[in-house]
Amino acid sequence: MGIFERYLTLWVGAGIVAGIVLGLLMPGLFEAIAALEVASVNLAVAVLIWLMIYPMMVQVDFAAIKDVGKKPKGLLLTLVINWLIKPFSMALLGWLFFKVLFASWVDPQTASEYIAGMILLGVAPCTAMVFVWSQLTKGDPNYTLVQVSINDIIMIFAFAPLAALLLGISDVQVPWQTLLLSVVLYVVLPLVAGWLTRKALVKQKDTHELDSLLAKIKPFSIMGLIATVVILFGLQAPVIVEKPFDIVLIAIPLMLQTYGIFVVAYWAAKRLKLAHNIAAPACMIGTSNFFELAVAVAISLFGLQSGAALATVVGVLVEVPVMLSLVAIANRTRHWFEN
């Protein structure tokens, strides 16, 4: 592994600190970055995420995608975790912590808003960042693409009804522009770019030029991840400083949910005898969140300064460090699975 991959946790940690410090020292810069939005999708973050997942998309072999259907267990695991377990376990943990365990520390109205934000995270499974986690665990790029694509299609139809059911309200307004634009930016465009690159470089099954390109651009993928962390933490620096105790309270059930879902999914993947390059991405998809969508919906339903919006923002703060730890766990337990 290169120096970026070997010390990735250290670089991300440095990015978190740098983001918070820069966000406090240069709030105007991050306000300008935050203003670069279309349909609640931040274009600066979108470009960096695109940079991160492009190397994964270059590895997608369209000729091999047709074989994914021969191994449906990984798809089934992803769908069960994402739509039958994760949303309900998140709602349960939110109620347990903020209506019971933390009830004396948070007023009832704020507690309800925190629970709502957690639920929105729970019903928004990951779309973009999972390509990064898959690449870091040497996941099958073809299988990961199919998993994410099917998940996105289901999300279009299931997000609003599930959110309405768990929030107990019937007027959930899904920002369709955000959802559709995110899918285009994070899946469709990099996929097309990857296909064009592969078509240009792979000649008569000779992948030498493609492998050479991937070796050159791989560090930029990691740099994109670190830059994304700096921006996300810079944007939320004032909130982190102003409400540190509330952020800790929200982070506890979110981390418990993330690690708990991963354990359940990983155990199921092992019982299903999945290959590691399918099992790891399947578990990552079920564990991580589509935080852009969750934040956008929380703001539209409850307001920018609401507890629900804060909870979804904490989801962003928790996501990268926790997912990196799960990547490390997945890589160290590769021998548990079939090749």
C-alpha atoms as a PDB file:
ATOM      1  CA  MET A   1       0.000   0.000   0.000  1.00  0.00           C
ATOM      2  CA  GLY A   2       1.074   3.580  -0.610  1.00  0.00           C
ATOM      3  CA  ILE A   3       1.676   6.102   2.152  1.00  0.00           C
ATOM      4  CA  PHE A   4      -1.830   7.551   1.770  1.00  0.00           C
ATOM      5  CA  GLU A   5      -3.560   4.189   2.237  1.00  0.00           C
ATOM      6  CA  ARG A   6      -1.222   2.953   4.955  1.00  0.00           C
ATOM      7  CA  TYR A   7      -1.840   5.988   7.162  1.00  0.00           C
ATOM      8  CA  LEU A   8      -5.354   6.834   5.966  1.00  0.00           C
ATOM      9  CA  THR A   9      -6.828   7.063   9.463  1.00  0.00           C
ATOM     10  CA  LEU A  10      -4.096   9.531  10.452  1.00  0.00           C
ATOM     11  CA  TRP A  11      -4.726  11.684   7.370  1.00  0.00           C
ATOM     12  CA  VAL A  12      -8.469  11.722   7.974  1.00  0.00           C
ATOM     13  CA  GLY A  13      -7.902  12.654  11.614  1.00  0.00           C
ATOM     14  CA  ALA A  14      -5.699  15.519  10.505  1.00  0.00           C
ATOM     15  CA  GLY A  15      -8.401  16.527   8.008  1.00  0.00           C
ATOM     16  CA  ILE A  16     -11.011  16.640  10.773  1.00  0.00           C
ATOM     17  CA  VAL A  17      -8.847  18.877  12.953  1.00  0.00           C
ATOM     18  CA  ALA A  18      -7.891  21.086  10.010  1.00  0.00           C
ATOM     19  CA  GLY A  19     -11.517  21.418   8.949  1.00  0.00           C
ATOM     20  CA  ILE A  20     -12.675  22.529  12.395  1.00  0.00           C
ATOM     21  CA  VAL A  21      -9.807  24.995  12.820  1.00  0.00           C
ATOM     22  CA  LEU A  22     -10.204  26.469   9.331  1.00  0.00           C
ATOM     23  CA  GLY A  23     -13.975  26.626   9.753  1.00  0.00           C
ATOM     24  CA  LEU A  24     -13.538  28.783  12.851  1.00  0.00           C
ATOM     25  CA  LEU A  25     -10.729  30.936  11.452  1.00  0.00           C
ATOM     26  CA  MET A  26     -12.135  31.419   7.941  1.00  0.00           C
ATOM     27  CA  PRO A  27     -15.915  31.075   8.131  1.00  0.00           C
ATOM     28  CA  GLY A  28     -16.331  33.233   5.022  1.00  0.00           C
ATOM     29  CA  LEU A  29     -14.469  30.693   2.909  1.00  0.00           C
ATOM     30  CA  PHE A  30     -16.731  27.854   3.970  1.00  0.00           C
ATOM     31  CA  GLU A  31     -19.829  30.015   3.584  1.00  0.00           C
ATOM     32  CA  ALA A  32     -18.765  30.560  -0.028  1.00  0.00           C
ATOM     33  CA  ILE A  33     -18.275  26.813  -0.487  1.00  0.00           C
ATOM     34  CA  ALA A  34     -21.677  26.135   1.114  1.00  0.00           C
ATOM     35  CA  ALA A  35     -23.294  28.547  -1.350  1.00  0.00           C
ATOM     36  CA  LEU A  36     -22.198  26.370  -4.282  1.00  0.00           C
ATOM     37  CA  GLU A  37     -25.402  24.340  -4.213  1.00  0.00           C
ATOM     38  CA  VAL A  38     -27.898  23.014  -6.729  1.00  0.00           C
ATOM     39  CA  ALA A  39     -31.013  21.297  -5.313  1.00  0.00           C
ATOM     40  CA  SER A  40     -29.313  21.059  -1.872  1.00  0.00           C
ATOM     41  CA  VAL A  41     -26.341  19.207  -3.410  1.00  0.00           C
ATOM     42  CA  ASN A  42     -23.033  20.927  -2.702  1.00  0.00           C
ATOM     43  CA  LEU A  43     -21.117  21.048  -5.971  1.00  0.00           C
ATOM     44  CA  ALA A  44     -17.681  21.282  -4.347  1.00  0.00           C
ATOM     45  CA  VAL A  45     -18.323  18.119  -2.336  1.00  0.00           C
ATOM     46  CA  ALA A  46     -19.862  16.495  -5.418  1.00  0.00           C
ATOM     47  CA  VAL A  47     -16.682  17.098  -7.440  1.00  0.00           C
ATOM     48  CA  LEU A  48     -14.517  15.619  -4.689  1.00  0.00           C
ATOM     49  CA  ILE A  49     -16.757  12.581  -4.294  1.00  0.00           C
ATOM     50  CA  TRP A  50     -16.678  12.184  -8.085  1.00  0.00           C
ATOM     51  CA  LEU A  51     -12.888  12.215  -7.897  1.00  0.00           C
ATOM     52  CA  MET A  52     -13.010   9.549  -5.205  1.00  0.00           C
ATOM     53  CA  ILE A  53     -15.264   7.109  -7.033  1.00  0.00           C
ATOM     54  CA  TYR A  54     -13.984   7.574 -10.592  1.00  0.00           C
ATOM     55  CA  PRO A  55     -11.146   5.015 -10.132  1.00  0.00           C
ATOM     56  CA  MET A  56     -13.749   2.501  -8.920  1.00  0.00           C
ATOM     57  CA  MET A  57     -15.912   3.113 -11.997  1.00  0.00           C
ATOM     58  CA  VAL A  58     -12.950   2.657 -14.349  1.00  0.00           C
ATOM     59  CA  GLN A  59     -12.648  -0.878 -12.982  1.00  0.00           C
ATOM     60  CA  VAL A  60     -16.258  -1.743 -13.854  1.00  0.00           C
ATOM     61  CA  ASP A  61     -16.360  -4.332 -16.614  1.00  0.00           C
ATOM     62  CA  PHE A  62     -19.756  -4.144 -18.300  1.00  0.00           C
ATOM     63  CA  ALA A  63     -19.216  -7.560 -19.844  1.00  0.00           C
ATOM     64  CA  ALA A  64     -19.016  -9.061 -16.356  1.00  0.00           C
ATOM     65  CA  ILE A  65     -22.091  -7.308 -14.924  1.00  0.00           C
ATOM     66  CA  LYS A  66     -24.388  -9.923 -16.454  1.00  0.00           C
ATOM     67  CA  ASP A  67     -22.770 -12.533 -14.173  1.00  0.00           C
ATOM     68  CA  VAL A  68     -23.825 -10.677 -11.013  1.00  0.00           C
ATOM     69  CA  GLY A  69     -27.275 -12.259 -11.193  1.00  0.00           C
ATOM     70  CA  LYS A  70     -25.679 -15.653 -10.747  1.00  0.00           C
ATOM     71  CA  LYS A  71     -24.741 -14.659  -7.185  1.00  0.00           C
ATOM     72  CA  PRO A  72     -27.909 -13.078  -5.747  1.00  0.00           C
ATOM     73  CA  LYS A  73     -27.126 -13.614  -2.060  1.00  0.00           C
ATOM     74  CA  GLY A  74     -25.091 -10.417  -1.773  1.00  0.00           C
ATOM     75  CA  LEU A  75     -27.903  -8.365  -3.312  1.00  0.00           C
ATOM     76  CA  LEU A  76     -30.444  -9.986  -1.009  1.00  0.00           C
ATOM     77  CA  LEU A  77     -28.301  -9.226   2.054  1.00  0.00           C
ATOM     78  CA  THR A  78     -27.983  -5.558   1.074  1.00  0.00           C
ATOM     79  CA  LEU A  79     -31.723  -5.137   0.511  1.00  0.00           C
ATOM     80  CA  VAL A  80     -32.746  -6.868   3.750  1.00  0.00           C
ATOM     81  CA  ILE A  81     -30.324  -4.828   5.855  1.00  0.00           C
ATOM     82  CA  ASN A  82     -31.156  -1.518   4.161  1.00  0.00           C
ATOM     83  CA  TRP A  83     -34.939  -1.741   4.052  1.00  0.00           C
ATOM     84  CA  LEU A  84     -36.123  -4.307   6.601  1.00  0.00           C
ATOM     85  CA  ILE A  85     -33.687  -3.832   9.494  1.00  0.00           C
ATOM     86  CA  LYS A  86     -31.740  -0.553   9.474  1.00  0.00           C
ATOM     87  CA  PRO A  87     -34.618   2.000   9.415  1.00  0.00           C
ATOM     88  CA  PHE A  88     -36.444   0.282  12.268  1.00  0.00           C
ATOM     89  CA  SER A  89     -33.371  -0.311  14.428  1.00  0.00           C
ATOM     90  CA  MET A  90     -32.454   3.379  14.039  1.00  0.00           C
ATOM     91  CA  ALA A  91     -35.931   4.465  15.131  1.00  0.00           C
ATOM     92  CA  LEU A  92     -35.769   2.090  18.107  1.00  0.00           C
ATOM     93  CA  LEU A  93     -32.362   3.339  19.226  1.00  0.00           C
ATOM     94  CA  GLY A  94     -33.467   6.961  18.849  1.00  0.00           C
ATOM     95  CA  TRP A  95     -36.480   6.346  21.076  1.00  0.00           C
ATOM     96  CA  LEU A  96     -34.459   4.337  23.620  1.00  0.00           C
ATOM     97  CA  PHE A  97     -31.740   6.940  24.046  1.00  0.00           C
ATOM     98  CA  PHE A  98     -33.661  10.210  23.805  1.00  0.00           C
ATOM     99  CA  LYS A  99     -36.957   9.196  25.383  1.00  0.00           C
ATOM    100  CA  VAL A 100     -35.484   6.975  28.099  1.00  0.00           C
ATOM    101  CA  LEU A 101     -31.732   7.047  28.743  1.00  0.00           C
ATOM    102  CA  PHE A 102     -31.053  10.720  27.882  1.00  0.00           C
ATOM    103  CA  ALA A 103     -34.522  12.030  28.788  1.00  0.00           C
ATOM    104  CA  SER A 104     -33.277  14.061  31.758  1.00  0.00           C
ATOM    105  CA  TRP A 105     -30.650  15.860  29.657  1.00  0.00           C
ATOM    106  CA  VAL A 106     -32.735  16.876  26.626  1.00  0.00           C
ATOM    107  CA  ASP A 107     -36.145  18.553  26.594  1.00  0.00           C
ATOM    108  CA  PRO A 108     -38.973  16.497  24.964  1.00  0.00           C
ATOM    109  CA  GLN A 109     -39.326  18.676  21.856  1.00  0.00           C
ATOM    110  CA  THR A 110     -35.611  18.640  21.111  1.00  0.00           C
ATOM    111  CA  ALA A 111     -35.463  14.908  21.810  1.00  0.00           C
ATOM    112  CA  SER A 112     -38.231  14.287  19.257  1.00  0.00           C
ATOM    113  CA  GLU A 113     -36.336  16.313  16.661  1.00  0.00           C
ATOM    114  CA  TYR A 114     -33.111  14.400  17.311  1.00  0.00           C
ATOM    115  CA  ILE A 115     -35.008  11.133  16.840  1.00  0.00           C
ATOM    116  CA  ALA A 116     -36.488  12.448  13.583  1.00  0.00           C
ATOM    117  CA  GLY A 117     -33.015  13.280  12.259  1.00  0.00           C
ATOM    118  CA  MET A 118     -31.748   9.824  13.160  1.00  0.00           C
ATOM    119  CA  ILE A 119     -34.712   8.226  11.393  1.00  0.00           C
ATOM    120  CA  LEU A 120     -34.009  10.214   8.227  1.00  0.00           C
ATOM    121  CA  LEU A 121     -30.449   8.893   8.280  1.00  0.00           C
ATOM    122  CA  GLY A 122     -31.752   5.372   8.795  1.00  0.00           C
ATOM    123  CA  VAL A 123     -34.012   5.439   5.744  1.00  0.00           C
ATOM    124  CA  ALA A 124     -31.345   6.945   3.453  1.00  0.00           C
ATOM    125  CA  PRO A 125     -28.779   4.224   2.639  1.00  0.00           C
ATOM    126  CA  CYS A 126     -25.512   5.243   1.030  1.00  0.00           C
ATOM    127  CA  THR A 127     -25.113   5.990  -2.685  1.00  0.00           C
ATOM    128  CA  ALA A 128     -21.735   7.602  -3.324  1.00  0.00           C
ATOM    129  CA  MET A 129     -19.248   6.982  -0.526  1.00  0.00           C
ATOM    130  CA  VAL A 130     -19.841   3.230  -0.610  1.00  0.00           C
ATOM    131  CA  PHE A 131     -17.755   3.104  -3.795  1.00  0.00           C
ATOM    132  CA  VAL A 132     -14.850   4.428  -1.734  1.00  0.00           C
ATOM    133  CA  TRP A 133     -15.372   1.893   1.041  1.00  0.00           C
ATOM    134  CA  SER A 134     -15.689  -0.872  -1.548  1.00  0.00           C
ATOM    135  CA  GLN A 135     -12.430   0.144  -3.189  1.00  0.00           C
ATOM    136  CA  LEU A 136     -10.622   0.260   0.166  1.00  0.00           C
ATOM    137  CA  THR A 137     -11.790  -3.299   0.933  1.00  0.00           C
ATOM    138  CA  LYS A 138     -10.931  -4.543  -2.598  1.00  0.00           C
ATOM    139  CA  GLY A 139     -14.598  -5.105  -3.338  1.00  0.00           C
ATOM    140  CA  ASP A 140     -15.889  -6.384  -6.678  1.00  0.00           C
ATOM    141  CA  PRO A 141     -16.568  -3.139  -8.612  1.00  0.00           C
ATOM    142  CA  ASN A 142     -19.151  -4.745 -10.901  1.00  0.00           C
ATOM    143  CA  TYR A 143     -21.122  -6.198  -8.016  1.00  0.00           C
ATOM    144  CA  THR A 144     -20.903  -2.970  -6.016  1.00  0.00           C
ATOM    145  CA  LEU A 145     -22.296  -1.000  -8.958  1.00  0.00           C
ATOM    146  CA  VAL A 146     -25.292  -3.321  -9.266  1.00  0.00           C
ATOM    147  CA  GLN A 147     -25.908  -3.225  -5.508  1.00  0.00           C
ATOM    148  CA  VAL A 148     -25.879   0.565  -5.434  1.00  0.00           C
ATOM    149  CA  SER A 149     -28.009   0.880  -8.573  1.00  0.00           C
ATOM    150  CA  ILE A 150     -30.755  -1.423  -7.282  1.00  0.00           C
ATOM    151  CA  ASN A 151     -30.619   0.334  -3.933  1.00  0.00           C
ATOM    152  CA  ASP A 152     -31.089   3.732  -5.610  1.00  0.00           C
ATOM    153  CA  ILE A 153     -34.106   2.505  -7.565  1.00  0.00           C
ATOM    154  CA  ILE A 154     -35.745   1.183  -4.399  1.00  0.00           C
ATOM    155  CA  MET A 155     -34.936   4.411  -2.536  1.00  0.00           C
ATOM    156  CA  ILE A 156     -36.878   6.447  -5.089  1.00  0.00           C
ATOM    157  CA  PHE A 157     -40.042   4.560  -4.168  1.00  0.00           C
ATOM    158  CA  ALA A 158     -39.433   3.553  -0.534  1.00  0.00           C
ATOM    159  CA  PHE A 159     -37.806   6.591   1.084  1.00  0.00           C
ATOM    160  CA  ALA A 160     -40.908   8.755   1.497  1.00  0.00           C
ATOM    161  CA  PRO A 161     -43.305   5.997   2.729  1.00  0.00           C
ATOM    162  CA  LEU A 162     -40.773   4.646   5.233  1.00  0.00           C
ATOM    163  CA  ALA A 163     -39.895   8.116   6.517  1.00  0.00           C
ATOM    164  CA  ALA A 164     -43.582   8.958   6.874  1.00  0.00           C
ATOM    165  CA  LEU A 165     -44.274   5.708   8.721  1.00  0.00           C
ATOM    166  CA  LEU A 166     -41.422   6.063  11.203  1.00  0.00           C
ATOM    167  CA  LEU A 167     -41.805   9.818  11.709  1.00  0.00           C
ATOM    168  CA  GLY A 168     -45.541   9.421  12.237  1.00  0.00           C
ATOM    169  CA  ILE A 169     -46.396  12.109   9.698  1.00  0.00           C
ATOM    170  CA  SER A 170     -47.971  11.886   6.280  1.00  0.00           C
ATOM    171  CA  ASP A 171     -46.605  15.000   4.579  1.00  0.00           C
ATOM    172  CA  VAL A 172     -42.968  14.045   4.080  1.00  0.00           C
ATOM    173  CA  GLN A 173     -41.730  16.162   1.192  1.00  0.00           C
ATOM    174  CA  VAL A 174     -38.916  14.362  -0.559  1.00  0.00           C
ATOM    175  CA  PRO A 175     -36.628  16.774  -2.443  1.00  0.00           C
ATOM    176  CA  TRP A 176     -36.698  14.783  -5.668  1.00  0.00           C
ATOM    177  CA  GLN A 177     -34.221  17.137  -7.301  1.00  0.00           C
ATOM    178  CA  THR A 178     -31.693  16.329  -4.586  1.00  0.00           C
ATOM    179  CA  LEU A 179     -32.282  12.610  -4.896  1.00  0.00           C
ATOM    180  CA  LEU A 180     -32.134  12.463  -8.683  1.00  0.00           C
ATOM    181  CA  LEU A 181     -29.262  14.939  -9.050  1.00  0.00           C
ATOM    182  CA  SER A 182     -27.228  13.001  -6.482  1.00  0.00           C
ATOM    183  CA  VAL A 183     -27.747   9.742  -8.370  1.00  0.00           C
ATOM    184  CA  VAL A 184     -26.676  11.416 -11.621  1.00  0.00           C
ATOM    185  CA  LEU A 185     -23.620  13.092 -10.072  1.00  0.00           C
ATOM    186  CA  TYR A 186     -22.443  10.192  -7.935  1.00  0.00           C
ATOM    187  CA  VAL A 187     -23.335   7.187 -10.104  1.00  0.00           C
ATOM    188  CA  VAL A 188     -24.270   7.979 -13.698  1.00  0.00           C
ATOM    189  CA  LEU A 189     -21.607  10.547 -14.676  1.00  0.00           C
ATOM    190  CA  PRO A 190     -18.590   8.792 -13.119  1.00  0.00           C
ATOM    191  CA  LEU A 191     -19.866   5.485 -14.527  1.00  0.00           C
ATOM    192  CA  VAL A 192     -20.003   6.934 -18.067  1.00  0.00           C
ATOM    193  CA  ALA A 193     -16.568   8.522 -17.611  1.00  0.00           C
ATOM    194  CA  GLY A 194     -15.164   5.224 -16.340  1.00  0.00           C
ATOM    195  CA  TRP A 195     -16.662   3.293 -19.263  1.00  0.00           C
ATOM    196  CA  LEU A 196     -15.220   5.734 -21.794  1.00  0.00           C
ATOM    197  CA  THR A 197     -11.806   5.551 -20.118  1.00  0.00           C
ATOM    198  CA  ARG A 198     -11.855   1.770 -20.047  1.00  0.00           C
ATOM    199  CA  LYS A 199     -12.974   1.588 -23.672  1.00  0.00           C
ATOM    200  CA  ALA A 200     -10.119   3.863 -24.726  1.00  0.00           C
ATOM    201  CA  LEU A 201      -7.390   2.071 -22.749  1.00  0.00           C
ATOM    202  CA  VAL A 202      -8.317  -1.615 -22.853  1.00  0.00           C
ATOM    203  CA  LYS A 203      -7.437  -3.098 -26.215  1.00  0.00           C
ATOM    204  CA  GLN A 204      -7.859  -6.804 -26.929  1.00  0.00           C
ATOM    205  CA  LYS A 205      -8.042  -7.599 -23.210  1.00  0.00           C
ATOM    206  CA  ASP A 206      -4.695  -5.877 -22.587  1.00  0.00           C
ATOM    207  CA  THR A 207      -5.162  -3.883 -19.354  1.00  0.00           C
ATOM    208  CA  HIS A 208      -1.575  -2.621 -19.036  1.00  0.00           C
ATOM    209  CA  GLU A 209      -2.436   0.998 -19.886  1.00  0.00           C
ATOM    210  CA  LEU A 210      -5.511   0.890 -17.640  1.00  0.00           C
ATOM    211  CA  ASP A 211      -3.514  -0.498 -14.709  1.00  0.00           C
ATOM    212  CA  SER A 212      -0.909   2.226 -15.223  1.00  0.00           C
ATOM    213  CA  LEU A 213      -3.597   4.933 -15.122  1.00  0.00           C
ATOM    214  CA  LEU A 214      -5.185   3.482 -11.974  1.00  0.00           C
ATOM    215  CA  ALA A 215      -1.805   3.441 -10.222  1.00  0.00           C
ATOM    216  CA  LYS A 216      -1.390   7.142 -11.021  1.00  0.00           C
ATOM    217  CA  ILE A 217      -4.867   8.348 -10.020  1.00  0.00           C
ATOM    218  CA  LYS A 218      -5.321   6.227  -6.894  1.00  0.00           C
ATOM    219  CA  PRO A 219      -3.602   8.796  -4.598  1.00  0.00           C
ATOM    220  CA  PHE A 220      -5.937  11.497  -5.912  1.00  0.00           C
ATOM    221  CA  SER A 221      -8.895   9.382  -4.794  1.00  0.00           C
ATOM    222  CA  ILE A 222      -7.586   9.395  -1.218  1.00  0.00           C
ATOM    223  CA  MET A 223      -6.819  13.116  -1.445  1.00  0.00           C
ATOM    224  CA  GLY A 224     -10.416  13.678  -2.529  1.00  0.00           C
ATOM    225  CA  LEU A 225     -11.619  11.850   0.575  1.00  0.00           C
ATOM    226  CA  ILE A 226      -9.435  13.948   2.869  1.00  0.00           C
ATOM    227  CA  ALA A 227     -10.471  17.198   1.157  1.00  0.00           C
ATOM    228  CA  THR A 228     -14.126  16.197   1.549  1.00  0.00           C
ATOM    229  CA  VAL A 229     -13.568  15.637   5.268  1.00  0.00           C
ATOM    230  CA  VAL A 230     -11.964  19.083   5.603  1.00  0.00           C
ATOM    231  CA  ILE A 231     -14.934  20.758   3.898  1.00  0.00           C
ATOM    232  CA  LEU A 232     -17.610  18.841   5.831  1.00  0.00           C
ATOM    233  CA  PHE A 233     -16.020  19.564   9.193  1.00  0.00           C
ATOM    234  CA  GLY A 234     -15.233  23.145   8.214  1.00  0.00           C
ATOM    235  CA  LEU A 235     -18.892  23.737   7.333  1.00  0.00           C
ATOM    236  CA  GLN A 236     -20.033  22.373  10.695  1.00  0.00           C
ATOM    237  CA  ALA A 237     -17.243  23.809  12.879  1.00  0.00           C
ATOM    238  CA  PRO A 238     -19.466  26.415  14.651  1.00  0.00           C
ATOM    239  CA  VAL A 239     -22.059  23.748  15.520  1.00  0.00           C
ATOM    240  CA  ILE A 240     -19.376  21.427  16.870  1.00  0.00           C
ATOM    241  CA  VAL A 241     -18.056  24.174  19.150  1.00  0.00           C
ATOM    242  CA  GLU A 242     -21.461  25.527  20.231  1.00  0.00           C
ATOM    243  CA  LYS A 243     -23.152  22.219  21.104  1.00  0.00           C
ATOM    244  CA  PRO A 244     -20.432  19.709  21.962  1.00  0.00           C
ATOM    245  CA  PHE A 245     -22.499  17.883  24.614  1.00  0.00           C
ATOM    246  CA  ASP A 246     -25.533  17.431  22.354  1.00  0.00           C
ATOM    247  CA  ILE A 247     -23.284  16.191  19.567  1.00  0.00           C
ATOM    248  CA  VAL A 248     -21.842  13.547  21.886  1.00  0.00           C
ATOM    249  CA  LEU A 249     -25.354  12.470  22.925  1.00  0.00           C
ATOM    250  CA  ILE A 250     -26.442  12.108  19.293  1.00  0.00           C
ATOM    251  CA  ALA A 251     -23.216  10.397  18.262  1.00  0.00           C
ATOM    252  CA  ILE A 252     -23.592   7.592  20.842  1.00  0.00           C
ATOM    253  CA  PRO A 253     -26.707   5.915  19.360  1.00  0.00           C
ATOM    254  CA  LEU A 254     -25.523   6.652  15.809  1.00  0.00           C
ATOM    255  CA  MET A 255     -22.234   4.854  16.444  1.00  0.00           C
ATOM    256  CA  LEU A 256     -24.027   1.999  18.194  1.00  0.00           C
ATOM    257  CA  GLN A 257     -26.356   1.694  15.194  1.00  0.00           C
ATOM    258  CA  THR A 258     -23.468   1.720  12.712  1.00  0.00           C
ATOM    259  CA  TYR A 259     -21.369  -0.893  14.451  1.00  0.00           C
ATOM    260  CA  GLY A 260     -24.429  -2.982  15.315  1.00  0.00           C
ATOM    261  CA  ILE A 261     -25.706  -3.072  11.732  1.00  0.00           C
ATOM    262  CA  PHE A 262     -22.233  -3.967  10.489  1.00  0.00           C
ATOM    263  CA  VAL A 263     -21.960  -6.863  12.938  1.00  0.00           C
ATOM    264  CA  VAL A 264     -25.365  -8.227  11.903  1.00  0.00           C
ATOM    265  CA  ALA A 265     -24.601  -7.850   8.180  1.00  0.00           C
ATOM    266  CA  TYR A 266     -21.080  -9.289   8.470  1.00  0.00           C
ATOM    267  CA  TRP A 267     -22.319 -12.267  10.455  1.00  0.00           C
ATOM    268  CA  ALA A 268     -25.061 -12.885   7.890  1.00  0.00           C
ATOM    269  CA  ALA A 269     -22.547 -12.571   5.032  1.00  0.00           C
ATOM    270  CA  LYS A 270     -20.351 -15.211   6.644  1.00  0.00           C
ATOM    271  CA  ARG A 271     -23.317 -17.524   7.197  1.00  0.00           C
ATOM    272  CA  LEU A 272     -24.306 -17.052   3.549  1.00  0.00           C
ATOM    273  CA  LYS A 273     -20.731 -18.009   2.573  1.00  0.00           C
ATOM    274  CA  LEU A 274     -20.230 -14.908   0.459  1.00  0.00           C
ATOM    275  CA  ALA A 275     -16.851 -14.110  -1.045  1.00  0.00           C
ATOM    276  CA  HIS A 276     -15.127 -11.268   0.799  1.00  0.00           C
ATOM    277  CA  ASN A 277     -15.139  -8.959  -2.247  1.00  0.00           C
ATOM    278  CA  ILE A 278     -18.950  -9.187  -2.237  1.00  0.00           C
ATOM    279  CA  ALA A 279     -19.537  -9.414   1.529  1.00  0.00           C
ATOM    280  CA  ALA A 280     -17.536  -6.316   2.472  1.00  0.00           C
ATOM    281  CA  PRO A 281     -19.248  -3.866   0.053  1.00  0.00           C
ATOM    282  CA  ALA A 282     -22.666  -5.368   0.895  1.00  0.00           C
ATOM    283  CA  CYS A 283     -22.086  -4.630   4.581  1.00  0.00           C
ATOM    284  CA  MET A 284     -20.715  -1.155   3.843  1.00  0.00           C
ATOM    285  CA  ILE A 285     -23.824  -0.238   1.828  1.00  0.00           C
ATOM    286  CA  GLY A 286     -26.046  -1.364   4.682  1.00  0.00           C
ATOM    287  CA  THR A 287     -23.981   0.478   7.273  1.00  0.00           C
ATOM    288  CA  SER A 288     -23.323   3.917   5.756  1.00  0.00           C
ATOM    289  CA  ASN A 289     -25.825   6.691   5.005  1.00  0.00           C
ATOM    290  CA  PHE A 290     -26.862   8.971   2.148  1.00  0.00           C
ATOM    291  CA  PHE A 291     -26.295  11.990   4.375  1.00  0.00           C
ATOM    292  CA  GLU A 292     -26.858  14.590   1.637  1.00  0.00           C
ATOM    293  CA  LEU A 293     -30.461  13.446   1.234  1.00  0.00           C
ATOM    294  CA  ALA A 294     -31.051  13.111   4.985  1.00  0.00           C
ATOM    295  CA  VAL A 295     -29.757  16.643   5.651  1.00  0.00           C
ATOM    296  CA  ALA A 296     -31.836  18.127   2.825  1.00  0.00           C
ATOM    297  CA  VAL A 297     -35.056  16.462   4.018  1.00  0.00           C
ATOM    298  CA  ALA A 298     -34.421  17.407   7.670  1.00  0.00           C
ATOM    299  CA  ILE A 299     -33.982  21.060   6.704  1.00  0.00           C
ATOM    300  CA  SER A 300     -37.062  21.091   4.479  1.00  0.00           C
ATOM    301  CA  LEU A 301     -39.269  19.406   7.123  1.00  0.00           C
ATOM    302  CA  PHE A 302     -38.004  20.884  10.369  1.00  0.00           C
ATOM    303  CA  GLY A 303     -35.863  23.913   9.506  1.00  0.00           C
ATOM    304  CA  LEU A 304     -32.173  24.742   9.275  1.00  0.00           C
ATOM    305  CA  GLN A 305     -31.749  25.339  13.021  1.00  0.00           C
ATOM    306  CA  SER A 306     -33.790  22.308  14.109  1.00  0.00           C
ATOM    307  CA  GLY A 307     -32.621  19.389  16.195  1.00  0.00           C
ATOM    308  CA  ALA A 308     -33.417  17.095  13.271  1.00  0.00           C
ATOM    309  CA  ALA A 309     -30.999  18.990  11.025  1.00  0.00           C
ATOM    310  CA  LEU A 310     -28.338  18.856  13.744  1.00  0.00           C
ATOM    311  CA  ALA A 311     -28.771  15.080  14.114  1.00  0.00           C
ATOM    312  CA  THR A 312     -28.249  14.525  10.397  1.00  0.00           C
ATOM    313  CA  VAL A 313     -25.154  16.734  10.518  1.00  0.00           C
ATOM    314  CA  VAL A 314     -23.764  14.633  13.370  1.00  0.00           C
ATOM    315  CA  GLY A 315     -24.364  11.662  11.088  1.00  0.00           C
ATOM    316  CA  VAL A 316     -21.942  13.283   8.652  1.00  0.00           C
ATOM    317  CA  LEU A 317     -19.377  13.829  11.415  1.00  0.00           C
ATOM    318  CA  VAL A 318     -19.599  10.220  12.599  1.00  0.00           C
ATOM    319  CA  GLU A 319     -19.668   8.611   9.156  1.00  0.00           C
ATOM    320  CA  VAL A 320     -16.089   8.877   7.916  1.00  0.00           C
ATOM    321  CA  PRO A 321     -14.125   7.904  11.059  1.00  0.00           C
ATOM    322  CA  VAL A 322     -16.485   5.027  11.876  1.00  0.00           C
ATOM    323  CA  MET A 323     -16.560   3.704   8.315  1.00  0.00           C
ATOM    324  CA  LEU A 324     -12.762   3.796   8.156  1.00  0.00           C
ATOM    325  CA  SER A 325     -12.633   1.648  11.287  1.00  0.00           C
ATOM    326  CA  LEU A 326     -15.049  -0.808   9.657  1.00  0.00           C
ATOM    327  CA  VAL A 327     -12.888  -0.876   6.523  1.00  0.00           C
ATOM    328  CA  ALA A 328      -9.945  -1.831   8.742  1.00  0.00           C
ATOM    329  CA  ILE A 329     -11.999  -4.579  10.415  1.00  0.00           C
ATOM    330  CA  ALA A 330     -13.147  -5.926   7.044  1.00  0.00           C
ATOM    331  CA  ASN A 331      -9.600  -5.995   5.689  1.00  0.00           C
ATOM    332  CA  ARG A 332      -8.184  -7.724   8.763  1.00  0.00           C
ATOM    333  CA  THR A 333     -10.871 -10.426   8.685  1.00  0.00           C
ATOM    334  CA  ARG A 334     -10.599 -11.208   4.982  1.00  0.00           C
ATOM    335  CA  HIS A 335      -9.481 -14.744   5.853  1.00  0.00           C
ATOM    336  CA  TRP A 336     -12.903 -15.433   7.418  1.00  0.00           C
ATOM    337  CA  PHE A 337     -14.465 -15.516   3.968  1.00  0.00           C
ATOM    338  CA  GLU A 338     -14.082 -17.379   0.719  1.00  0.00           C
ATOM    339  CA  ASN A 339     -11.945 -15.760  -1.956  1.00  0.00           C
END
